[in-house]
C-alpha atoms as a PDB file:
ATOM      1  CA  MET A   1     -29.147-113.547  74.778  1.00  0.00           C
ATOM      2  CA  LYS A   2     -29.679-116.327  76.271  1.00  0.00           C
ATOM      3  CA  SER A   3     -32.512-117.362  73.547  1.00  0.00           C
ATOM      4  CA  GLU A   4     -29.602-116.672  70.828  1.00  0.00           C
ATOM      5  CA  ILE A   5     -27.182-118.894  73.232  1.00  0.00           C
ATOM      6  CA  PHE A   6     -30.139-121.355  73.659  1.00  0.00           C
ATOM      7  CA  ARG A   7     -29.757-121.689  69.662  1.00  0.00           C
ATOM      8  CA  PHE A   8     -26.441-121.085  69.097  1.00  0.00           C
ATOM      9  CA  ARG A   9     -26.166-124.577  71.529  1.00  0.00           C
ATOM     10  CA  ILE A  10     -28.099-126.933  70.095  1.00  0.00           C
ATOM     11  CA  MET A  11     -27.024-126.159  66.702  1.00  0.00           C
ATOM     12  CA  ALA A  12     -23.481-126.340  67.424  1.00  0.00           C
ATOM     13  CA  ILE A  13     -24.068-130.023  69.386  1.00  0.00           C
ATOM     14  CA  ILE A  14     -26.136-130.576  66.404  1.00  0.00           C
ATOM     15  CA  ALA A  15     -23.901-130.108  63.867  1.00  0.00           C
ATOM     16  CA  GLY A  16     -20.963-130.882  65.467  1.00  0.00           C
ATOM     17  CA  VAL A  17     -21.992-134.470  65.037  1.00  0.00           C
ATOM     18  CA  MET A  18     -23.885-134.151  62.046  1.00  0.00           C
ATOM     19  CA  SER A  19     -19.528-133.635  60.609  1.00  0.00           C
ATOM     20  CA  LEU A  20     -18.465-136.169  62.774  1.00  0.00           C
ATOM     21  CA  LEU A  21     -20.452-138.554  61.001  1.00  0.00           C
ATOM     22  CA  LEU A  22     -19.981-136.930  57.844  1.00  0.00           C
ATOM     23  CA  TRP A  23     -16.076-137.612  58.297  1.00  0.00           C
ATOM     24  CA  PHE A  24     -15.897-140.748  59.964  1.00  0.00           C
ATOM     25  CA  VAL A  25     -18.947-141.809  59.111  1.00  0.00           C
ATOM     26  CA  ASP A  26     -19.722-141.111  55.363  1.00  0.00           C
ATOM     27  CA  ILE A  27     -16.220-139.825  53.693  1.00  0.00           C
ATOM     28  CA  PRO A  28     -14.578-143.209  54.577  1.00  0.00           C
ATOM     29  CA  VAL A  29     -17.269-145.453  53.299  1.00  0.00           C
ATOM     30  CA  ALA A  30     -17.916-143.539  50.375  1.00  0.00           C
ATOM     31  CA  TYR A  31     -14.542-143.832  49.302  1.00  0.00           C
ATOM     32  CA  PHE A  32     -12.266-146.489  51.158  1.00  0.00           C
ATOM     33  CA  ILE A  33     -14.670-148.643  51.394  1.00  0.00           C
ATOM     34  CA  ASN A  34     -15.849-150.738  47.902  1.00  0.00           C
ATOM     35  CA  ASN A  35     -19.193-151.658  49.099  1.00  0.00           C
ATOM     36  CA  GLY A  36     -22.743-150.651  47.332  1.00  0.00           C
ATOM     37  CA  GLU A  37     -25.226-151.191  49.514  1.00  0.00           C
ATOM     38  CA  TRP A  38     -22.442-149.034  52.392  1.00  0.00           C
ATOM     39  CA  LYS A  39     -22.828-146.638  50.344  1.00  0.00           C
ATOM     40  CA  GLU A  40     -26.993-146.177  49.728  1.00  0.00           C
ATOM     41  CA  LYS A  41     -27.126-146.444  54.098  1.00  0.00           C
ATOM     42  CA  VAL A  42     -25.052-143.210  54.775  1.00  0.00           C
ATOM     43  CA  ALA A  43     -26.048-141.450  51.563  1.00  0.00           C
ATOM     44  CA  TRP A  44     -28.319-139.409  53.987  1.00  0.00           C
ATOM     45  CA  ILE A  45     -25.533-137.824  56.092  1.00  0.00           C
ATOM     46  CA  PRO A  46     -24.393-135.121  53.702  1.00  0.00           C
ATOM     47  CA  PHE A  47     -27.415-133.901  52.754  1.00  0.00           C
ATOM     48  CA  VAL A  48     -28.512-133.693  56.388  1.00  0.00           C
ATOM     49  CA  HIS A  49     -25.234-132.111  57.378  1.00  0.00           C
ATOM     50  CA  GLY A  50     -25.271-129.237  54.470  1.00  0.00           C
ATOM     51  CA  TRP A  51     -28.773-127.809  56.100  1.00  0.00           C
ATOM     52  CA  ILE A  52     -28.632-128.293  59.368  1.00  0.00           C
ATOM     53  CA  TYR A  53     -24.460-126.188  58.853  1.00  0.00           C
ATOM     54  CA  PHE A  54     -27.488-124.059  57.130  1.00  0.00           C
ATOM     55  CA  VAL A  55     -28.698-123.188  60.207  1.00  0.00           C
ATOM     56  CA  TYR A  56     -26.306-123.488  62.266  1.00  0.00           C
ATOM     57  CA  VAL A  57     -24.437-120.189  60.367  1.00  0.00           C
ATOM     58  CA  ILE A  58     -27.053-118.529  61.323  1.00  0.00           C
ATOM     59  CA  THR A  59     -27.638-119.033  63.921  1.00  0.00           C
ATOM     60  CA  ALA A  60     -23.827-118.499  64.811  1.00  0.00           C
ATOM     61  CA  ILE A  61     -24.787-114.792  62.467  1.00  0.00           C
ATOM     62  CA  GLN A  62     -27.580-113.846  64.571  1.00  0.00           C
ATOM     63  CA  PHE A  63     -25.618-114.515  67.781  1.00  0.00           C
ATOM     64  CA  ALA A  64     -22.738-112.959  67.088  1.00  0.00           C
ATOM     65  CA  THR A  65     -24.676-110.024  65.993  1.00  0.00           C
ATOM     66  CA  LYS A  66     -26.174-109.717  69.570  1.00  0.00           C
ATOM     67  CA  ALA A  67     -22.948-110.028  71.468  1.00  0.00           C
ATOM     68  CA  ARG A  68     -21.073-107.578  68.644  1.00  0.00           C
ATOM     69  CA  TRP A  69     -18.384-109.085  67.918  1.00  0.00           C
ATOM     70  CA  PRO A  70     -16.836-108.045  65.065  1.00  0.00           C
ATOM     71  CA  ILE A  71     -16.724-109.515  61.842  1.00  0.00           C
ATOM     72  CA  MET A  72     -13.588-112.093  61.588  1.00  0.00           C
ATOM     73  CA  LYS A  73     -14.618-112.919  65.224  1.00  0.00           C
ATOM     74  CA  MET A  74     -17.942-114.208  63.516  1.00  0.00           C
ATOM     75  CA  PHE A  75     -15.964-115.703  60.573  1.00  0.00           C
ATOM     76  CA  GLY A  76     -14.263-118.218  62.680  1.00  0.00           C
ATOM     77  CA  LEU A  77     -17.163-119.228  64.749  1.00  0.00           C
ATOM     78  CA  ILE A  78     -18.598-119.421  61.626  1.00  0.00           C
ATOM     79  CA  LEU A  79     -15.799-121.510  60.259  1.00  0.00           C
ATOM     80  CA  ALA A  80     -16.434-123.115  63.254  1.00  0.00           C
ATOM     81  CA  GLY A  81     -18.620-125.496  61.933  1.00  0.00           C
ATOM     82  CA  THR A  82     -16.460-127.281  59.640  1.00  0.00           C
ATOM     83  CA  LEU A  83     -14.295-129.139  61.551  1.00  0.00           C
ATOM     84  CA  PRO A  84     -15.576-132.028  63.669  1.00  0.00           C
ATOM     85  CA  ILE A  85     -14.540-130.885  67.007  1.00  0.00           C
ATOM     86  CA  ALA A  86     -14.435-127.286  66.776  1.00  0.00           C
ATOM     87  CA  SER A  87     -17.979-126.286  67.462  1.00  0.00           C
ATOM     88  CA  LEU A  88     -18.889-128.094  69.854  1.00  0.00           C
ATOM     89  CA  ILE A  89     -15.936-126.397  71.932  1.00  0.00           C
ATOM     90  CA  ALA A  90     -16.801-122.804  70.634  1.00  0.00           C
ATOM     91  CA  GLU A  91     -19.635-124.381  71.661  1.00  0.00           C
ATOM     92  CA  ARG A  92     -18.945-124.816  75.776  1.00  0.00           C
ATOM     93  CA  ARG A  93     -16.610-121.481  75.598  1.00  0.00           C
ATOM     94  CA  ILE A  94     -19.433-119.670  74.387  1.00  0.00           C
ATOM     95  CA  VAL A  95     -21.671-121.329  77.432  1.00  0.00           C
ATOM     96  CA  ARG A  96     -19.317-120.286  79.693  1.00  0.00           C
ATOM     97  CA  ARG A  97     -18.647-116.753  78.802  1.00  0.00           C
ATOM     98  CA  TYR A  98     -22.634-115.621  78.405  1.00  0.00           C
ATOM     99  CA  SER A  99     -24.601-118.281  80.396  1.00  0.00           C
END
């Protein structure tokens, strides 16, 4: 169980940081700032975020299965990766409870 917690912790932190970059850097540049050069510089963020979120979902399912969580609780953990701070909060709660 310790390795699942460690993997989930790493992925939750990375997914949280990428979500923050997506919401507060990429989206404002793409929709509110009319500067093509800036858009090119942040074009990598959604691509990387998508792959990181995919790996986050896999690690969340792996952890929730090992912890024998019900499906709805697992679904909530997966959804936590969609909001900028929620994955970081979920990570803290899981580490406190299971470590």
